Amino acid sequence: MDGLHEIGGGCHCGNITYRFFSPVPETELAIRSCDCSFCRKQGACYTAHPQGALKVVVRESEQITHYRFGSESADVFLCTRCGVFPFIVGRIDDQLYAVLNANSIDGLHIERAAVKTLSNLEKQSTEERLERWKRLWIPQVEINYLNRPVNPAIL
């Protein structure tokens, strides 16, 4: 994709890999943490860019599970082989949006002191949450399964 920085990442074992095409390099991406109970327990921090695109490859779909938490509006893609979740997706008006687990970006060193925490997210209404995703998350998401056809009901 012309004019965009290609950023690679994925789970630890390589079953889930992605290429994130961003208008800014990985060192300039905003890194955020969330104060919800799931994210606090995971110690995760996230990044995305609303002008970016994400292309995912899943090699063995039977080694993937989806966890739908709290609001039941987003799905965590978790590799059951290595235990890493590289991204979360949500569907808005028949379009997938995604946010990356910044810890899954290849070679990115995150200065924890520079991570901005988004507060009170569990208290947001569904409408507020979806508007935040539209504003901050990656709006172009393509997920390719190498060993099975895509079932749109499963994402």
C-alpha atoms as a PDB file:
ATOM      1  CA  MET A   1       0.000   0.000   0.000  1.00  0.00           C
ATOM      2  CA  ASP A   2       1.662   3.143  -1.244  1.00  0.00           C
ATOM      3  CA  GLY A   3       2.606   5.815   1.265  1.00  0.00           C
ATOM      4  CA  LEU A   4       1.902   3.614   4.261  1.00  0.00           C
ATOM      5  CA  HIS A   5       4.291   2.020   6.732  1.00  0.00           C
ATOM      6  CA  GLU A   6       4.071  -1.775   6.865  1.00  0.00           C
ATOM      7  CA  ILE A   7       4.168  -3.026  10.449  1.00  0.00           C
ATOM      8  CA  GLY A   8       4.347  -6.758  11.154  1.00  0.00           C
ATOM      9  CA  GLY A   9       3.288  -8.738  14.164  1.00  0.00           C
ATOM     10  CA  GLY A  10       1.310 -11.656  15.477  1.00  0.00           C
ATOM     11  CA  CYS A  11       1.163 -14.266  18.164  1.00  0.00           C
ATOM     12  CA  HIS A  12       4.285 -15.854  19.647  1.00  0.00           C
ATOM     13  CA  CYS A  13       4.189 -19.132  17.690  1.00  0.00           C
ATOM     14  CA  GLY A  14       3.339 -17.571  14.317  1.00  0.00           C
ATOM     15  CA  ASN A  15      -0.094 -19.133  13.909  1.00  0.00           C
ATOM     16  CA  ILE A  16      -1.635 -15.656  13.682  1.00  0.00           C
ATOM     17  CA  THR A  17       0.360 -13.065  11.765  1.00  0.00           C
ATOM     18  CA  TYR A  18      -0.592  -9.653  10.517  1.00  0.00           C
ATOM     19  CA  ARG A  19       0.554  -6.729   8.461  1.00  0.00           C
ATOM     20  CA  PHE A  20      -0.677  -3.363   9.618  1.00  0.00           C
ATOM     21  CA  PHE A  21      -0.476  -0.576   7.072  1.00  0.00           C
ATOM     22  CA  SER A  22      -0.280   2.743   8.910  1.00  0.00           C
ATOM     23  CA  PRO A  23       0.222   6.348   7.817  1.00  0.00           C
ATOM     24  CA  VAL A  24       2.701   6.719  10.698  1.00  0.00           C
ATOM     25  CA  PRO A  25       5.634   4.439  11.663  1.00  0.00           C
ATOM     26  CA  GLU A  26       5.261   2.144  14.681  1.00  0.00           C
ATOM     27  CA  THR A  27       7.382   4.452  16.843  1.00  0.00           C
ATOM     28  CA  GLU A  28       4.818   7.232  16.369  1.00  0.00           C
ATOM     29  CA  LEU A  29       1.637   5.220  16.979  1.00  0.00           C
ATOM     30  CA  ALA A  30      -0.413   6.220  20.003  1.00  0.00           C
ATOM     31  CA  ILE A  31      -0.271   3.441  22.594  1.00  0.00           C
ATOM     32  CA  ARG A  32      -3.217   3.199  24.969  1.00  0.00           C
ATOM     33  CA  SER A  33      -4.205   0.998  27.847  1.00  0.00           C
ATOM     34  CA  CYS A  34      -7.724   0.363  29.003  1.00  0.00           C
ATOM     35  CA  ASP A  35      -8.898   0.336  32.591  1.00  0.00           C
ATOM     36  CA  CYS A  36     -11.484  -2.425  32.125  1.00  0.00           C
ATOM     37  CA  SER A  37     -11.058  -5.596  34.165  1.00  0.00           C
ATOM     38  CA  PHE A  38     -10.099  -7.751  31.146  1.00  0.00           C
ATOM     39  CA  CYS A  39      -7.335  -5.454  29.949  1.00  0.00           C
ATOM     40  CA  ARG A  40      -5.985  -4.827  33.447  1.00  0.00           C
ATOM     41  CA  LYS A  41      -5.701  -8.568  34.051  1.00  0.00           C
ATOM     42  CA  GLN A  42      -3.992  -9.039  30.663  1.00  0.00           C
ATOM     43  CA  GLY A  43      -1.624  -6.091  31.103  1.00  0.00           C
ATOM     44  CA  ALA A  44      -2.377  -5.271  27.490  1.00  0.00           C
ATOM     45  CA  CYS A  45      -1.939  -1.999  25.683  1.00  0.00           C
ATOM     46  CA  TYR A  46      -3.331  -1.196  22.276  1.00  0.00           C
ATOM     47  CA  THR A  47      -2.711   0.730  19.118  1.00  0.00           C
ATOM     48  CA  ALA A  48      -4.537   1.463  15.884  1.00  0.00           C
ATOM     49  CA  HIS A  49      -4.884   4.208  13.336  1.00  0.00           C
ATOM     50  CA  PRO A  50      -8.209   5.183  11.750  1.00  0.00           C
ATOM     51  CA  GLN A  51      -6.536   5.595   8.362  1.00  0.00           C
ATOM     52  CA  GLY A  52      -4.818   2.208   8.516  1.00  0.00           C
ATOM     53  CA  ALA A  53      -5.529  -1.242   7.146  1.00  0.00           C
ATOM     54  CA  LEU A  54      -4.970  -4.655   8.721  1.00  0.00           C
ATOM     55  CA  LYS A  55      -4.340  -7.917   6.869  1.00  0.00           C
ATOM     56  CA  VAL A  56      -4.364 -11.032   9.058  1.00  0.00           C
ATOM     57  CA  VAL A  57      -3.361 -14.596   8.219  1.00  0.00           C
ATOM     58  CA  VAL A  58      -4.512 -17.456  10.432  1.00  0.00           C
ATOM     59  CA  ARG A  59      -2.634 -20.651   9.623  1.00  0.00           C
ATOM     60  CA  GLU A  60      -4.503 -23.176  11.791  1.00  0.00           C
ATOM     61  CA  SER A  61      -7.998 -22.002  12.689  1.00  0.00           C
ATOM     62  CA  GLU A  62      -8.496 -24.922  15.102  1.00  0.00           C
ATOM     63  CA  GLN A  63      -5.754 -23.322  17.245  1.00  0.00           C
ATOM     64  CA  ILE A  64      -7.754 -20.080  17.549  1.00  0.00           C
ATOM     65  CA  THR A  65     -10.433 -19.228  20.035  1.00  0.00           C
ATOM     66  CA  HIS A  66     -12.477 -16.065  20.366  1.00  0.00           C
ATOM     67  CA  TYR A  67     -13.247 -14.497  23.697  1.00  0.00           C
ATOM     68  CA  ARG A  68     -16.153 -12.092  23.865  1.00  0.00           C
ATOM     69  CA  PHE A  69     -16.052 -10.091  27.075  1.00  0.00           C
ATOM     70  CA  GLY A  70     -18.092  -7.527  28.969  1.00  0.00           C
ATOM     71  CA  SER A  71     -20.152  -5.649  26.439  1.00  0.00           C
ATOM     72  CA  GLU A  72     -20.236  -8.662  24.108  1.00  0.00           C
ATOM     73  CA  SER A  73     -19.487  -6.332  21.223  1.00  0.00           C
ATOM     74  CA  ALA A  74     -15.854  -7.260  20.534  1.00  0.00           C
ATOM     75  CA  ASP A  75     -13.979 -10.513  19.983  1.00  0.00           C
ATOM     76  CA  VAL A  76     -10.446 -11.215  21.127  1.00  0.00           C
ATOM     77  CA  PHE A  77      -8.503 -13.435  18.703  1.00  0.00           C
ATOM     78  CA  LEU A  78      -6.506 -15.760  20.964  1.00  0.00           C
ATOM     79  CA  CYS A  79      -3.999 -18.374  19.819  1.00  0.00           C
ATOM     80  CA  THR A  80      -4.583 -21.418  22.006  1.00  0.00           C
ATOM     81  CA  ARG A  81      -1.146 -22.819  21.171  1.00  0.00           C
ATOM     82  CA  CYS A  82       0.951 -19.939  22.571  1.00  0.00           C
ATOM     83  CA  GLY A  83      -1.654 -17.961  24.549  1.00  0.00           C
ATOM     84  CA  VAL A  84      -1.137 -14.591  22.835  1.00  0.00           C
ATOM     85  CA  PHE A  85      -3.949 -12.392  21.552  1.00  0.00           C
ATOM     86  CA  PRO A  86      -2.645 -10.128  18.778  1.00  0.00           C
ATOM     87  CA  PHE A  87      -5.823  -8.121  18.183  1.00  0.00           C
ATOM     88  CA  ILE A  88      -9.466  -7.504  18.984  1.00  0.00           C
ATOM     89  CA  VAL A  89     -12.218  -6.996  16.405  1.00  0.00           C
ATOM     90  CA  GLY A  90     -15.655  -5.487  16.558  1.00  0.00           C
ATOM     91  CA  ARG A  91     -18.341  -5.252  13.910  1.00  0.00           C
ATOM     92  CA  ILE A  92     -20.100  -1.947  13.277  1.00  0.00           C
ATOM     93  CA  ASP A  93     -22.724  -1.717  10.536  1.00  0.00           C
ATOM     94  CA  ASP A  94     -21.390  -4.861   8.835  1.00  0.00           C
ATOM     95  CA  GLN A  95     -17.806  -3.584   8.849  1.00  0.00           C
ATOM     96  CA  LEU A  96     -14.980  -5.017  10.940  1.00  0.00           C
ATOM     97  CA  TYR A  97     -12.846  -2.678  13.018  1.00  0.00           C
ATOM     98  CA  ALA A  98      -9.714  -3.820  14.838  1.00  0.00           C
ATOM     99  CA  VAL A  99      -7.293  -2.698  17.499  1.00  0.00           C
ATOM    100  CA  LEU A 100      -3.858  -4.299  17.890  1.00  0.00           C
ATOM    101  CA  ASN A 101      -2.359  -5.584  21.083  1.00  0.00           C
ATOM    102  CA  ALA A 102       0.710  -3.334  20.835  1.00  0.00           C
ATOM    103  CA  ASN A 103       2.785  -5.994  22.589  1.00  0.00           C
ATOM    104  CA  SER A 104       2.315  -8.233  19.527  1.00  0.00           C
ATOM    105  CA  ILE A 105       4.059  -5.830  17.115  1.00  0.00           C
ATOM    106  CA  ASP A 106       7.404  -7.269  16.015  1.00  0.00           C
ATOM    107  CA  GLY A 107      10.343  -5.402  17.550  1.00  0.00           C
ATOM    108  CA  LEU A 108       8.308  -2.650  19.212  1.00  0.00           C
ATOM    109  CA  HIS A 109       9.619  -1.653  22.629  1.00  0.00           C
ATOM    110  CA  ILE A 110       6.906   0.075  24.633  1.00  0.00           C
ATOM    111  CA  GLU A 111       7.845   2.659  27.221  1.00  0.00           C
ATOM    112  CA  ARG A 112       5.173   1.974  29.815  1.00  0.00           C
ATOM    113  CA  ALA A 113       5.390   5.510  31.166  1.00  0.00           C
ATOM    114  CA  ALA A 114       4.297   6.854  27.762  1.00  0.00           C
ATOM    115  CA  VAL A 115       1.154   4.692  27.556  1.00  0.00           C
ATOM    116  CA  LYS A 116      -2.049   6.721  27.869  1.00  0.00           C
ATOM    117  CA  THR A 117      -4.808   5.054  29.911  1.00  0.00           C
ATOM    118  CA  LEU A 118      -8.378   5.376  28.708  1.00  0.00           C
ATOM    119  CA  SER A 119     -10.543   5.489  31.832  1.00  0.00           C
ATOM    120  CA  ASN A 120     -14.072   4.420  32.684  1.00  0.00           C
ATOM    121  CA  LEU A 121     -14.527   2.424  29.494  1.00  0.00           C
ATOM    122  CA  GLU A 122     -16.671  -0.199  31.217  1.00  0.00           C
ATOM    123  CA  LYS A 123     -19.156   2.575  32.020  1.00  0.00           C
ATOM    124  CA  GLN A 124     -19.547   3.631  28.382  1.00  0.00           C
ATOM    125  CA  SER A 125     -22.811   2.893  26.626  1.00  0.00           C
ATOM    126  CA  THR A 126     -22.723   0.665  23.570  1.00  0.00           C
ATOM    127  CA  GLU A 127     -23.217   3.723  21.353  1.00  0.00           C
ATOM    128  CA  GLU A 128     -20.296   5.555  22.999  1.00  0.00           C
ATOM    129  CA  ARG A 129     -18.077   2.495  22.631  1.00  0.00           C
ATOM    130  CA  LEU A 130     -18.889   2.052  18.936  1.00  0.00           C
ATOM    131  CA  GLU A 131     -18.260   5.745  18.246  1.00  0.00           C
ATOM    132  CA  ARG A 132     -14.855   5.474  19.970  1.00  0.00           C
ATOM    133  CA  TRP A 133     -13.986   2.458  17.809  1.00  0.00           C
ATOM    134  CA  LYS A 134     -14.983   4.316  14.633  1.00  0.00           C
ATOM    135  CA  ARG A 135     -12.782   7.212  15.693  1.00  0.00           C
ATOM    136  CA  LEU A 136      -9.697   5.248  16.845  1.00  0.00           C
ATOM    137  CA  TRP A 137      -9.681   1.684  15.487  1.00  0.00           C
ATOM    138  CA  ILE A 138      -8.512   0.279  12.151  1.00  0.00           C
ATOM    139  CA  PRO A 139     -11.459   0.377   9.712  1.00  0.00           C
ATOM    140  CA  GLN A 140     -10.089  -1.858   6.961  1.00  0.00           C
ATOM    141  CA  VAL A 141      -9.726  -5.418   8.255  1.00  0.00           C
ATOM    142  CA  GLU A 142      -9.120  -8.552   6.206  1.00  0.00           C
ATOM    143  CA  ILE A 143      -8.801 -11.939   7.917  1.00  0.00           C
ATOM    144  CA  ASN A 144      -7.595 -14.877   5.813  1.00  0.00           C
ATOM    145  CA  TYR A 145      -7.805 -18.451   7.087  1.00  0.00           C
ATOM    146  CA  LEU A 146      -5.373 -20.721   5.264  1.00  0.00           C
ATOM    147  CA  ASN A 147      -7.051 -24.003   6.222  1.00  0.00           C
ATOM    148  CA  ARG A 148     -10.761 -23.202   5.947  1.00  0.00           C
ATOM    149  CA  PRO A 149     -13.198 -20.929   4.137  1.00  0.00           C
ATOM    150  CA  VAL A 150     -14.193 -17.782   5.979  1.00  0.00           C
ATOM    151  CA  ASN A 151     -17.477 -18.016   7.848  1.00  0.00           C
ATOM    152  CA  PRO A 152     -18.763 -14.434   8.181  1.00  0.00           C
ATOM    153  CA  ALA A 153     -20.854 -15.429  11.211  1.00  0.00           C
ATOM    154  CA  ILE A 154     -17.641 -16.268  13.087  1.00  0.00           C
ATOM    155  CA  LEU A 155     -15.736 -13.236  11.766  1.00  0.00           C
END
